[in-house]
Amino acid sequence: MLIVFITGATGFIGRALCVKMLKKKWKVKAAIRKESDIDVLPAGVEGISSDSIENCNFCDLDLTDVDVV
């Protein structure tokens, strides 16, 4: 199974991309800011939270299993 890491997954385009990738049987990991509404994420998306994108906490993540960012 291929794995994609998506930023902006709670936004209009990000949600649509999550849905498309899930339909293609990809595993979806998503960058989620603490102030974002995670209830809008499609079922099956693994959310990874952070204080903010600006803090660049995601740079410290181990994404070695991710095929596409």
C-alpha atoms as a PDB file:
ATOM      1  CA  MET A   1       0.000   0.000   0.000  1.00  0.00           C
ATOM      2  CA  LEU A   2       1.343   3.407  -0.946  1.00  0.00           C
ATOM      3  CA  ILE A   3       1.389   6.187   1.659  1.00  0.00           C
ATOM      4  CA  VAL A   4       0.838   9.899   1.035  1.00  0.00           C
ATOM      5  CA  PHE A   5       1.458  12.759   3.496  1.00  0.00           C
ATOM      6  CA  ILE A   6      -0.861  15.720   2.893  1.00  0.00           C
ATOM      7  CA  THR A   7      -0.671  19.209   4.360  1.00  0.00           C
ATOM      8  CA  GLY A   8      -3.844  21.285   4.386  1.00  0.00           C
ATOM      9  CA  ALA A   9      -6.032  18.190   4.711  1.00  0.00           C
ATOM     10  CA  THR A  10      -8.817  20.071   6.544  1.00  0.00           C
ATOM     11  CA  GLY A  11      -9.129  22.625   3.739  1.00  0.00           C
ATOM     12  CA  PHE A  12     -11.329  22.398   0.646  1.00  0.00           C
ATOM     13  CA  ILE A  13      -8.677  21.067  -1.729  1.00  0.00           C
ATOM     14  CA  GLY A  14      -6.875  18.993   0.909  1.00  0.00           C
ATOM     15  CA  ARG A  15     -10.076  17.143   1.878  1.00  0.00           C
ATOM     16  CA  ALA A  16     -10.830  16.416  -1.774  1.00  0.00           C
ATOM     17  CA  LEU A  17      -7.296  15.099  -2.248  1.00  0.00           C
ATOM     18  CA  CYS A  18      -7.641  12.879   0.836  1.00  0.00           C
ATOM     19  CA  VAL A  19     -10.867  11.391  -0.513  1.00  0.00           C
ATOM     20  CA  LYS A  20      -9.322  10.772  -3.936  1.00  0.00           C
ATOM     21  CA  MET A  21      -6.262   9.063  -2.474  1.00  0.00           C
ATOM     22  CA  LEU A  22      -8.367   6.902  -0.130  1.00  0.00           C
ATOM     23  CA  LYS A  23     -10.496   5.785  -3.097  1.00  0.00           C
ATOM     24  CA  LYS A  24      -7.262   4.760  -4.834  1.00  0.00           C
ATOM     25  CA  LYS A  25      -6.489   2.614  -1.744  1.00  0.00           C
ATOM     26  CA  TRP A  26      -3.584   4.796  -0.565  1.00  0.00           C
ATOM     27  CA  LYS A  27      -2.903   5.211   3.139  1.00  0.00           C
ATOM     28  CA  VAL A  28      -3.283   8.917   3.965  1.00  0.00           C
ATOM     29  CA  LYS A  29      -1.359  10.752   6.681  1.00  0.00           C
ATOM     30  CA  ALA A  30      -2.261  14.397   7.196  1.00  0.00           C
ATOM     31  CA  ALA A  31      -0.616  17.379   8.857  1.00  0.00           C
ATOM     32  CA  ILE A  32      -3.168  18.959  11.199  1.00  0.00           C
ATOM     33  CA  ARG A  33      -2.777  22.254  13.060  1.00  0.00           C
ATOM     34  CA  LYS A  34      -4.129  22.213  16.617  1.00  0.00           C
ATOM     35  CA  GLU A  35      -6.690  24.911  15.772  1.00  0.00           C
ATOM     36  CA  SER A  36      -8.039  22.936  12.785  1.00  0.00           C
ATOM     37  CA  ASP A  37     -11.359  21.092  12.923  1.00  0.00           C
ATOM     38  CA  ILE A  38     -10.335  17.435  12.641  1.00  0.00           C
ATOM     39  CA  ASP A  39     -13.985  16.402  12.346  1.00  0.00           C
ATOM     40  CA  VAL A  40     -13.863  17.404   8.666  1.00  0.00           C
ATOM     41  CA  LEU A  41     -11.211  14.786   7.874  1.00  0.00           C
ATOM     42  CA  PRO A  42     -12.509  11.846   5.863  1.00  0.00           C
ATOM     43  CA  ALA A  43     -12.661   8.528   7.702  1.00  0.00           C
ATOM     44  CA  GLY A  44      -9.414   6.625   7.367  1.00  0.00           C
ATOM     45  CA  VAL A  45      -7.077   9.635   7.425  1.00  0.00           C
ATOM     46  CA  GLU A  46      -4.350   9.512  10.074  1.00  0.00           C
ATOM     47  CA  GLY A  47      -3.952  13.011  11.484  1.00  0.00           C
ATOM     48  CA  ILE A  48      -0.600  14.217  12.810  1.00  0.00           C
ATOM     49  CA  SER A  49      -1.006  17.365  14.901  1.00  0.00           C
ATOM     50  CA  SER A  50       1.365  20.266  15.413  1.00  0.00           C
ATOM     51  CA  ASP A  51       1.327  23.737  16.966  1.00  0.00           C
ATOM     52  CA  SER A  52       1.534  25.348  13.531  1.00  0.00           C
ATOM     53  CA  ILE A  53       3.064  24.838  10.117  1.00  0.00           C
ATOM     54  CA  GLU A  54       5.267  27.878  10.776  1.00  0.00           C
ATOM     55  CA  ASN A  55       7.007  26.086  13.662  1.00  0.00           C
ATOM     56  CA  CYS A  56       8.037  23.403  11.159  1.00  0.00           C
ATOM     57  CA  ASN A  57       7.507  20.564  13.645  1.00  0.00           C
ATOM     58  CA  PHE A  58       6.777  18.383  10.628  1.00  0.00           C
ATOM     59  CA  CYS A  59      10.419  18.636   9.583  1.00  0.00           C
ATOM     60  CA  ASP A  60      11.269  16.469  12.577  1.00  0.00           C
ATOM     61  CA  LEU A  61       8.815  13.706  11.660  1.00  0.00           C
ATOM     62  CA  ASP A  62      10.035  10.340  10.487  1.00  0.00           C
ATOM     63  CA  LEU A  63       8.397  10.129   7.073  1.00  0.00           C
ATOM     64  CA  THR A  64      10.602   7.338   5.766  1.00  0.00           C
ATOM     65  CA  ASP A  65       7.530   5.161   5.160  1.00  0.00           C
ATOM     66  CA  VAL A  66       5.814   7.890   3.112  1.00  0.00           C
ATOM     67  CA  ASP A  67       5.931   7.516  -0.669  1.00  0.00           C
ATOM     68  CA  VAL A  68       4.590  10.959  -1.661  1.00  0.00           C
ATOM     69  CA  VAL A  69       4.384  14.339   0.104  1.00  0.00           C
END
